Amino acid sequence: MPDKLTVDLHPIFRSDRDVDNAVRNAILRAAGQKVPLVEIIPGKGSGKLKSRVVALLKQPHLKKLCRRVEMAPGNDGMVLVHLK
């Protein structure tokens, strides 16, 4: 069992639908496989993609799977999602 799952959003950042699907699928797959940590890499950029990811993680069906969402210490371009 892996200790973390990583999702890099750089290749799909132009499509909102692809970003939503990638984040949602990663969280659901990690919850199903009992992986405790998901690293989502939106990149540093202007911050629009990171704010979109954080807003997506606040949706009720994903929020109930997450224990904690934080920005990686020392790396502004990564969101860490700790699952229950």
PDB file of N, CA and C in Angstrom:
ATOM      1  N   MET A   1       0.851  -1.185   0.000  1.00  0.00           N
ATOM      2  CA  MET A   1       0.000   0.000   0.000  1.00  0.00           C
ATOM      3  C   MET A   1       0.895   1.247   0.000  1.00  0.00           C
ATOM      4  N   PRO A   2       0.693   2.158  -0.945  1.00  0.00           N
ATOM      5  CA  PRO A   2       1.502   3.378  -0.969  1.00  0.00           C
ATOM      6  C   PRO A   2       1.131   4.297   0.195  1.00  0.00           C
ATOM      7  N   ASP A   3       2.100   5.096   0.628  1.00  0.00           N
ATOM      8  CA  ASP A   3       1.842   6.008   1.737  1.00  0.00           C
ATOM      9  C   ASP A   3       1.317   7.364   1.278  1.00  0.00           C
ATOM     10  N   LYS A   4       1.406   7.631  -0.046  1.00  0.00           N
ATOM     11  CA  LYS A   4       0.838   8.872  -0.574  1.00  0.00           C
ATOM     12  C   LYS A   4       0.528   8.705  -2.055  1.00  0.00           C
ATOM     13  N   LEU A   5      -0.368   9.546  -2.523  1.00  0.00           N
ATOM     14  CA  LEU A   5      -0.758   9.574  -3.928  1.00  0.00           C
ATOM     15  C   LEU A   5      -0.499  10.991  -4.424  1.00  0.00           C
ATOM     16  N   THR A   6       0.134  11.119  -5.587  1.00  0.00           N
ATOM     17  CA  THR A   6       0.489  12.433  -6.117  1.00  0.00           C
ATOM     18  C   THR A   6      -0.255  12.698  -7.412  1.00  0.00           C
ATOM     19  N   VAL A   7      -0.826  13.908  -7.515  1.00  0.00           N
ATOM     20  CA  VAL A   7      -1.532  14.323  -8.729  1.00  0.00           C
ATOM     21  C   VAL A   7      -0.909  15.630  -9.204  1.00  0.00           C
ATOM     22  N   ASP A   8      -0.331  15.610 -10.396  1.00  0.00           N
ATOM     23  CA  ASP A   8       0.269  16.801 -10.987  1.00  0.00           C
ATOM     24  C   ASP A   8      -0.721  17.402 -11.979  1.00  0.00           C
ATOM     25  N   LEU A   9      -1.121  18.645 -11.752  1.00  0.00           N
ATOM     26  CA  LEU A   9      -2.123  19.300 -12.591  1.00  0.00           C
ATOM     27  C   LEU A   9      -1.509  20.129 -13.714  1.00  0.00           C
ATOM     28  N   HIS A  10      -0.192  20.149 -13.825  1.00  0.00           N
ATOM     29  CA  HIS A  10       0.447  20.948 -14.879  1.00  0.00           C
ATOM     30  C   HIS A  10      -0.018  20.577 -16.290  1.00  0.00           C
ATOM     31  N   PRO A  11      -0.113  19.295 -16.656  1.00  0.00           N
ATOM     32  CA  PRO A  11      -0.495  18.966 -18.041  1.00  0.00           C
ATOM     33  C   PRO A  11      -1.941  19.318 -18.390  1.00  0.00           C
ATOM     34  N   ILE A  12      -2.811  19.480 -17.384  1.00  0.00           N
ATOM     35  CA  ILE A  12      -4.245  19.669 -17.677  1.00  0.00           C
ATOM     36  C   ILE A  12      -4.792  20.985 -17.137  1.00  0.00           C
ATOM     37  N   PHE A  13      -3.918  21.934 -16.819  1.00  0.00           N
ATOM     38  CA  PHE A  13      -4.382  23.141 -16.127  1.00  0.00           C
ATOM     39  C   PHE A  13      -5.349  23.992 -16.942  1.00  0.00           C
ATOM     40  N   ARG A  14      -5.389  23.838 -18.245  1.00  0.00           N
ATOM     41  CA  ARG A  14      -6.260  24.675 -19.085  1.00  0.00           C
ATOM     42  C   ARG A  14      -7.719  24.244 -19.066  1.00  0.00           C
ATOM     43  N   SER A  15      -7.990  23.007 -18.700  1.00  0.00           N
ATOM     44  CA  SER A  15      -9.352  22.485 -18.723  1.00  0.00           C
ATOM     45  C   SER A  15      -9.887  22.336 -17.294  1.00  0.00           C
ATOM     46  N   ASP A  16     -10.880  23.153 -16.953  1.00  0.00           N
ATOM     47  CA  ASP A  16     -11.466  23.085 -15.609  1.00  0.00           C
ATOM     48  C   ASP A  16     -12.086  21.723 -15.348  1.00  0.00           C
ATOM     49  N   ARG A  17     -12.720  21.146 -16.340  1.00  0.00           N
ATOM     50  CA  ARG A  17     -13.364  19.840 -16.173  1.00  0.00           C
ATOM     51  C   ARG A  17     -12.322  18.767 -15.881  1.00  0.00           C
ATOM     52  N   ASP A  18     -11.202  18.792 -16.599  1.00  0.00           N
ATOM     53  CA  ASP A  18     -10.145  17.802 -16.367  1.00  0.00           C
ATOM     54  C   ASP A  18      -9.524  17.964 -14.985  1.00  0.00           C
ATOM     55  N   VAL A  19      -9.351  19.191 -14.542  1.00  0.00           N
ATOM     56  CA  VAL A  19      -8.800  19.445 -13.206  1.00  0.00           C
ATOM     57  C   VAL A  19      -9.760  18.899 -12.148  1.00  0.00           C
ATOM     58  N   ASP A  20     -11.042  19.207 -12.274  1.00  0.00           N
ATOM     59  CA  ASP A  20     -12.030  18.711 -11.319  1.00  0.00           C
ATOM     60  C   ASP A  20     -12.051  17.187 -11.278  1.00  0.00           C
ATOM     61  N   ASN A  21     -12.040  16.555 -12.443  1.00  0.00           N
ATOM     62  CA  ASN A  21     -12.060  15.097 -12.506  1.00  0.00           C
ATOM     63  C   ASN A  21     -10.797  14.490 -11.899  1.00  0.00           C
ATOM     64  N   ALA A  22      -9.646  15.077 -12.176  1.00  0.00           N
ATOM     65  CA  ALA A  22      -8.388  14.543 -11.650  1.00  0.00           C
ATOM     66  C   ALA A  22      -8.350  14.612 -10.127  1.00  0.00           C
ATOM     67  N   VAL A  23      -8.762  15.740  -9.573  1.00  0.00           N
ATOM     68  CA  VAL A  23      -8.752  15.894  -8.113  1.00  0.00           C
ATOM     69  C   VAL A  23      -9.769  14.962  -7.476  1.00  0.00           C
ATOM     70  N   ARG A  24     -10.974  14.942  -8.010  1.00  0.00           N
ATOM     71  CA  ARG A  24     -12.040  14.092  -7.464  1.00  0.00           C
ATOM     72  C   ARG A  24     -11.636  12.613  -7.530  1.00  0.00           C
ATOM     73  N   ASN A  25     -11.112  12.170  -8.676  1.00  0.00           N
ATOM     74  CA  ASN A  25     -10.711  10.768  -8.818  1.00  0.00           C
ATOM     75  C   ASN A  25      -9.569  10.406  -7.874  1.00  0.00           C
ATOM     76  N   ALA A  26      -8.623  11.306  -7.681  1.00  0.00           N
ATOM     77  CA  ALA A  26      -7.499  11.039  -6.783  1.00  0.00           C
ATOM     78  C   ALA A  26      -7.978  10.883  -5.341  1.00  0.00           C
ATOM     79  N   ILE A  27      -8.876  11.756  -4.899  1.00  0.00           N
ATOM     80  CA  ILE A  27      -9.381  11.682  -3.522  1.00  0.00           C
ATOM     81  C   ILE A  27     -10.185  10.403  -3.328  1.00  0.00           C
ATOM     82  N   LEU A  28     -11.057  10.089  -4.269  1.00  0.00           N
ATOM     83  CA  LEU A  28     -11.877   8.886  -4.143  1.00  0.00           C
ATOM     84  C   LEU A  28     -11.027   7.618  -4.218  1.00  0.00           C
ATOM     85  N   ARG A  29     -10.022   7.589  -5.102  1.00  0.00           N
ATOM     86  CA  ARG A  29      -9.151   6.420  -5.211  1.00  0.00           C
ATOM     87  C   ARG A  29      -8.330   6.250  -3.935  1.00  0.00           C
ATOM     88  N   ALA A  30      -7.810   7.346  -3.387  1.00  0.00           N
ATOM     89  CA  ALA A  30      -7.031   7.273  -2.152  1.00  0.00           C
ATOM     90  C   ALA A  30      -7.895   6.806  -0.984  1.00  0.00           C
ATOM     91  N   ALA A  31      -9.129   7.280  -0.915  1.00  0.00           N
ATOM     92  CA  ALA A  31     -10.028   6.860   0.160  1.00  0.00           C
ATOM     93  C   ALA A  31     -10.352   5.368   0.025  1.00  0.00           C
ATOM     94  N   GLY A  32     -10.551   4.903  -1.194  1.00  0.00           N
ATOM     95  CA  GLY A  32     -10.850   3.493  -1.419  1.00  0.00           C
ATOM     96  C   GLY A  32      -9.683   2.579  -1.110  1.00  0.00           C
ATOM     97  N   GLN A  33      -8.468   3.045  -1.362  1.00  0.00           N
ATOM     98  CA  GLN A  33      -7.264   2.246  -1.123  1.00  0.00           C
ATOM     99  C   GLN A  33      -6.647   2.515   0.244  1.00  0.00           C
ATOM    100  N   LYS A  34      -7.290   3.347   1.053  1.00  0.00           N
ATOM    101  CA  LYS A  34      -6.817   3.698   2.402  1.00  0.00           C
ATOM    102  C   LYS A  34      -5.437   4.349   2.381  1.00  0.00           C
ATOM    103  N   VAL A  35      -5.204   5.197   1.399  1.00  0.00           N
ATOM    104  CA  VAL A  35      -3.956   5.966   1.323  1.00  0.00           C
ATOM    105  C   VAL A  35      -4.149   7.216   2.189  1.00  0.00           C
ATOM    106  N   PRO A  36      -3.269   7.475   3.153  1.00  0.00           N
ATOM    107  CA  PRO A  36      -3.516   8.567   4.104  1.00  0.00           C
ATOM    108  C   PRO A  36      -3.237   9.976   3.591  1.00  0.00           C
ATOM    109  N   LEU A  37      -2.477  10.117   2.481  1.00  0.00           N
ATOM    110  CA  LEU A  37      -2.083  11.444   2.032  1.00  0.00           C
ATOM    111  C   LEU A  37      -2.165  11.557   0.516  1.00  0.00           C
ATOM    112  N   VAL A  38      -2.736  12.663   0.051  1.00  0.00           N
ATOM    113  CA  VAL A  38      -2.765  12.969  -1.382  1.00  0.00           C
ATOM    114  C   VAL A  38      -2.051  14.305  -1.574  1.00  0.00           C
ATOM    115  N   GLU A  39      -1.041  14.308  -2.458  1.00  0.00           N
ATOM    116  CA  GLU A  39      -0.340  15.540  -2.819  1.00  0.00           C
ATOM    117  C   GLU A  39      -0.904  16.020  -4.150  1.00  0.00           C
ATOM    118  N   ILE A  40      -1.441  17.218  -4.155  1.00  0.00           N
ATOM    119  CA  ILE A  40      -1.961  17.815  -5.377  1.00  0.00           C
ATOM    120  C   ILE A  40      -1.022  18.960  -5.741  1.00  0.00           C
ATOM    121  N   ILE A  41      -0.503  18.931  -6.973  1.00  0.00           N
ATOM    122  CA  ILE A  41       0.481  19.922  -7.396  1.00  0.00           C
ATOM    123  C   ILE A  41      -0.141  20.841  -8.447  1.00  0.00           C
ATOM    124  N   PRO A  42      -0.706  21.987  -8.009  1.00  0.00           N
ATOM    125  CA  PRO A  42      -1.240  22.942  -8.984  1.00  0.00           C
ATOM    126  C   PRO A  42      -0.161  23.879  -9.519  1.00  0.00           C
ATOM    127  N   GLY A  43       0.978  23.955  -8.856  1.00  0.00           N
ATOM    128  CA  GLY A  43       2.043  24.870  -9.258  1.00  0.00           C
ATOM    129  C   GLY A  43       1.885  26.217  -8.578  1.00  0.00           C
ATOM    130  N   LYS A  44       2.885  27.052  -8.700  1.00  0.00           N
ATOM    131  CA  LYS A  44       2.871  28.353  -8.019  1.00  0.00           C
ATOM    132  C   LYS A  44       2.057  29.371  -8.803  1.00  0.00           C
ATOM    133  N   GLY A  45       2.417  29.679 -10.007  1.00  0.00           N
ATOM    134  CA  GLY A  45       1.639  30.553 -10.896  1.00  0.00           C
ATOM    135  C   GLY A  45       0.970  31.722 -10.220  1.00  0.00           C
ATOM    136  N   SER A  46      -0.231  32.049 -10.694  1.00  0.00           N
ATOM    137  CA  SER A  46      -0.981  33.183 -10.158  1.00  0.00           C
ATOM    138  C   SER A  46      -1.829  32.796  -8.949  1.00  0.00           C
ATOM    139  N   GLY A  47      -2.013  31.516  -8.713  1.00  0.00           N
ATOM    140  CA  GLY A  47      -2.806  31.069  -7.570  1.00  0.00           C
ATOM    141  C   GLY A  47      -4.235  30.717  -7.915  1.00  0.00           C
ATOM    142  N   LYS A  48      -4.661  30.948  -9.160  1.00  0.00           N
ATOM    143  CA  LYS A  48      -6.046  30.641  -9.541  1.00  0.00           C
ATOM    144  C   LYS A  48      -6.329  29.149  -9.482  1.00  0.00           C
ATOM    145  N   LEU A  49      -5.396  28.338  -9.957  1.00  0.00           N
ATOM    146  CA  LEU A  49      -5.598  26.897  -9.965  1.00  0.00           C
ATOM    147  C   LEU A  49      -5.610  26.339  -8.548  1.00  0.00           C
ATOM    148  N   LYS A  50      -4.727  26.855  -7.693  1.00  0.00           N
ATOM    149  CA  LYS A  50      -4.696  26.397  -6.311  1.00  0.00           C
ATOM    150  C   LYS A  50      -5.995  26.758  -5.585  1.00  0.00           C
ATOM    151  N   SER A  51      -6.514  27.948  -5.817  1.00  0.00           N
ATOM    152  CA  SER A  51      -7.768  28.341  -5.176  1.00  0.00           C
ATOM    153  C   SER A  51      -8.930  27.511  -5.702  1.00  0.00           C
ATOM    154  N   ARG A  52      -8.875  27.119  -6.970  1.00  0.00           N
ATOM    155  CA  ARG A  52      -9.907  26.240  -7.526  1.00  0.00           C
ATOM    156  C   ARG A  52      -9.864  24.867  -6.860  1.00  0.00           C
ATOM    157  N   VAL A  53      -8.646  24.345  -6.649  1.00  0.00           N
ATOM    158  CA  VAL A  53      -8.491  23.042  -5.998  1.00  0.00           C
ATOM    159  C   VAL A  53      -9.010  23.101  -4.565  1.00  0.00           C
ATOM    160  N   VAL A  54      -8.672  24.144  -3.841  1.00  0.00           N
ATOM    161  CA  VAL A  54      -9.117  24.284  -2.453  1.00  0.00           C
ATOM    162  C   VAL A  54     -10.644  24.412  -2.396  1.00  0.00           C
ATOM    163  N   ALA A  55     -11.237  25.158  -3.316  1.00  0.00           N
ATOM    164  CA  ALA A  55     -12.695  25.286  -3.366  1.00  0.00           C
ATOM    165  C   ALA A  55     -13.346  23.942  -3.677  1.00  0.00           C
ATOM    166  N   LEU A  56     -12.729  23.178  -4.560  1.00  0.00           N
ATOM    167  CA  LEU A  56     -13.260  21.861  -4.896  1.00  0.00           C
ATOM    168  C   LEU A  56     -13.214  20.937  -3.686  1.00  0.00           C
ATOM    169  N   LEU A  57     -12.153  21.019  -2.905  1.00  0.00           N
ATOM    170  CA  LEU A  57     -12.026  20.169  -1.724  1.00  0.00           C
ATOM    171  C   LEU A  57     -12.994  20.557  -0.609  1.00  0.00           C
ATOM    172  N   LYS A  58     -13.593  21.734  -0.697  1.00  0.00           N
ATOM    173  CA  LYS A  58     -14.576  22.168   0.301  1.00  0.00           C
ATOM    174  C   LYS A  58     -15.983  21.693  -0.019  1.00  0.00           C
ATOM    175  N   GLN A  59     -16.173  21.045  -1.166  1.00  0.00           N
ATOM    176  CA  GLN A  59     -17.486  20.510  -1.501  1.00  0.00           C
ATOM    177  C   GLN A  59     -17.830  19.387  -0.524  1.00  0.00           C
ATOM    178  N   PRO A  60     -19.111  19.288  -0.125  1.00  0.00           N
ATOM    179  CA  PRO A  60     -19.491  18.350   0.938  1.00  0.00           C
ATOM    180  C   PRO A  60     -19.096  16.890   0.694  1.00  0.00           C
ATOM    181  N   HIS A  61     -19.217  16.406  -0.529  1.00  0.00           N
ATOM    182  CA  HIS A  61     -18.929  14.987  -0.771  1.00  0.00           C
ATOM    183  C   HIS A  61     -17.438  14.679  -0.686  1.00  0.00           C
ATOM    184  N   LEU A  62     -16.578  15.670  -0.886  1.00  0.00           N
ATOM    185  CA  LEU A  62     -15.136  15.465  -0.723  1.00  0.00           C
ATOM    186  C   LEU A  62     -14.671  15.862   0.677  1.00  0.00           C
ATOM    187  N   LYS A  63     -15.330  16.851   1.245  1.00  0.00           N
ATOM    188  CA  LYS A  63     -14.935  17.342   2.563  1.00  0.00           C
ATOM    189  C   LYS A  63     -15.102  16.267   3.634  1.00  0.00           C
ATOM    190  N   LYS A  64     -16.111  15.413   3.492  1.00  0.00           N
ATOM    191  CA  LYS A  64     -16.327  14.376   4.498  1.00  0.00           C
ATOM    192  C   LYS A  64     -15.250  13.282   4.444  1.00  0.00           C
ATOM    193  N   LEU A  65     -14.508  13.189   3.340  1.00  0.00           N
ATOM    194  CA  LEU A  65     -13.421  12.214   3.228  1.00  0.00           C
ATOM    195  C   LEU A  65     -12.100  12.755   3.756  1.00  0.00           C
ATOM    196  N   CYS A  66     -11.987  14.073   3.847  1.00  0.00           N
ATOM    197  CA  CYS A  66     -10.728  14.723   4.226  1.00  0.00           C
ATOM    198  C   CYS A  66     -10.711  15.055   5.709  1.00  0.00           C
ATOM    199  N   ARG A  67      -9.579  14.779   6.323  1.00  0.00           N
ATOM    200  CA  ARG A  67      -9.405  15.168   7.715  1.00  0.00           C
ATOM    201  C   ARG A  67      -8.826  16.572   7.805  1.00  0.00           C
ATOM    202  N   ARG A  68      -7.859  16.854   6.886  1.00  0.00           N
ATOM    203  CA  ARG A  68      -7.197  18.157   6.931  1.00  0.00           C
ATOM    204  C   ARG A  68      -6.649  18.489   5.548  1.00  0.00           C
ATOM    205  N   VAL A  69      -6.740  19.758   5.168  1.00  0.00           N
ATOM    206  CA  VAL A  69      -6.164  20.260   3.918  1.00  0.00           C
ATOM    207  C   VAL A  69      -5.201  21.368   4.290  1.00  0.00           C
ATOM    208  N   GLU A  70      -3.961  21.270   3.781  1.00  0.00           N
ATOM    209  CA  GLU A  70      -2.963  22.283   4.114  1.00  0.00           C
ATOM    210  C   GLU A  70      -2.058  22.542   2.918  1.00  0.00           C
ATOM    211  N   MET A  71      -1.425  23.702   2.926  1.00  0.00           N
ATOM    212  CA  MET A  71      -0.413  24.009   1.927  1.00  0.00           C
ATOM    213  C   MET A  71       0.893  23.409   2.427  1.00  0.00           C
ATOM    214  N   ALA A  72       1.668  22.832   1.533  1.00  0.00           N
ATOM    215  CA  ALA A  72       2.921  22.194   1.925  1.00  0.00           C
ATOM    216  C   ALA A  72       3.872  23.240   2.511  1.00  0.00           C
ATOM    217  N   PRO A  73       4.450  22.951   3.668  1.00  0.00           N
ATOM    218  CA  PRO A  73       5.397  23.902   4.250  1.00  0.00           C
ATOM    219  C   PRO A  73       6.629  24.040   3.356  1.00  0.00           C
ATOM    220  N   GLY A  74       6.950  25.280   3.016  1.00  0.00           N
ATOM    221  CA  GLY A  74       8.116  25.543   2.183  1.00  0.00           C
ATOM    222  C   GLY A  74       7.877  25.386   0.693  1.00  0.00           C
ATOM    223  N   ASN A  75       6.661  24.989   0.288  1.00  0.00           N
ATOM    224  CA  ASN A  75       6.355  24.820  -1.132  1.00  0.00           C
ATOM    225  C   ASN A  75       4.940  25.325  -1.385  1.00  0.00           C
ATOM    226  N   ASP A  76       4.825  26.536  -1.915  1.00  0.00           N
ATOM    227  CA  ASP A  76       3.504  27.131  -2.158  1.00  0.00           C
ATOM    228  C   ASP A  76       2.749  26.452  -3.289  1.00  0.00           C
ATOM    229  N   GLY A  77       3.421  25.657  -4.097  1.00  0.00           N
ATOM    230  CA  GLY A  77       2.790  25.047  -5.258  1.00  0.00           C
ATOM    231  C   GLY A  77       2.241  23.661  -5.007  1.00  0.00           C
ATOM    232  N   MET A  78       2.032  23.273  -3.742  1.00  0.00           N
ATOM    233  CA  MET A  78       1.542  21.942  -3.432  1.00  0.00           C
ATOM    234  C   MET A  78       0.489  22.002  -2.333  1.00  0.00           C
ATOM    235  N   VAL A  79      -0.606  21.257  -2.531  1.00  0.00           N
ATOM    236  CA  VAL A  79      -1.666  21.153  -1.543  1.00  0.00           C
ATOM    237  C   VAL A  79      -1.636  19.728  -1.004  1.00  0.00           C
ATOM    238  N   LEU A  80      -1.583  19.594   0.334  1.00  0.00           N
ATOM    239  CA  LEU A  80      -1.587  18.286   0.979  1.00  0.00           C
ATOM    240  C   LEU A  80      -2.964  18.011   1.553  1.00  0.00           C
ATOM    241  N   VAL A  81      -3.513  16.861   1.206  1.00  0.00           N
ATOM    242  CA  VAL A  81      -4.832  16.462   1.685  1.00  0.00           C
ATOM    243  C   VAL A  81      -4.653  15.209   2.537  1.00  0.00           C
ATOM    244  N   HIS A  82      -4.957  15.316   3.816  1.00  0.00           N
ATOM    245  CA  HIS A  82      -4.876  14.187   4.736  1.00  0.00           C
ATOM    246  C   HIS A  82      -6.263  13.558   4.824  1.00  0.00           C
ATOM    247  N   LEU A  83      -6.343  12.278   4.527  1.00  0.00           N
ATOM    248  CA  LEU A  83      -7.632  11.588   4.520  1.00  0.00           C
ATOM    249  C   LEU A  83      -7.894  10.899   5.840  1.00  0.00           C
ATOM    250  N   LYS A  84      -9.157  10.618   6.089  1.00  0.00           N
ATOM    251  CA  LYS A  84      -9.572   9.932   7.316  1.00  0.00           C
ATOM    252  C   LYS A  84      -9.232   8.470   7.251  1.00  0.00           C
TER     253      LYS A  84
END
